[in-house]
Amino acid sequence: MRNVSPASRTLRCTALLASVLLCITLFGSGLQAEKNTLTVDITSFLGDDQQFANDDQLQFLISVNEPAWLYLYYKNADGKIYQLIPSVLYPENHVQSGDFIPFPAADAPFHLAVSAPYGSEQVWLLATKTALPEHDWQEEDLQELPFPSLDALQTALKKSTRGRALAHDSLVFSTVPSM
């Protein structure tokens, strides 16, 4: 067995590291972030910035330019946040590009009807090219999420979306007892 001095080992390791870095520089690491060409849009069946009265049926229209995984969050007038997609009501969150996707669909087994509390409400739509991991706070049913605001939710999701191609859009609307 040949005796190799510590200085010689260090020199060999340095040479090996330099070779690896050169290969990464020449050929790329393969760990680059996804190229982001994804776009998403959400509106209501009446358009943006609308007002809805008690018992009105809400329907949102979603469009994406590429196949994507959708995550739809709703903030009511009291500031409570719920995840609508995916959820027990709408578990399939992978969609294809193309026409507007109605949510909920006309033939869905549920409807979204306006009721108290009334005021400013918002839906926030996140689309990604790859599915996000499940989070501890995601519920199987429509329980309130543990975030004080949509900004806090977005901050929590940043860790899951780092390096992923994504797009988002939101729609603010108001609800009233009657018109």
Foldseek 3Di string as FASTA:
>chain_A
DDDDDPVRVVVVVVVVVVVVVVCCVVPNDVLAFDDAPKEKDKAWPVGFAEEAAFFDWTKMWMAMQAWWFKWKWKQAPVRWIWIVPPALQHDDRTDGGDGIDIVPDPPGPDIDGDDPPWFKMKMKMKIWRDDFDDDPQHDRHTDTGPDNHVVRVVVVCCVRCVSTHMYMDMGMYTYYHHD
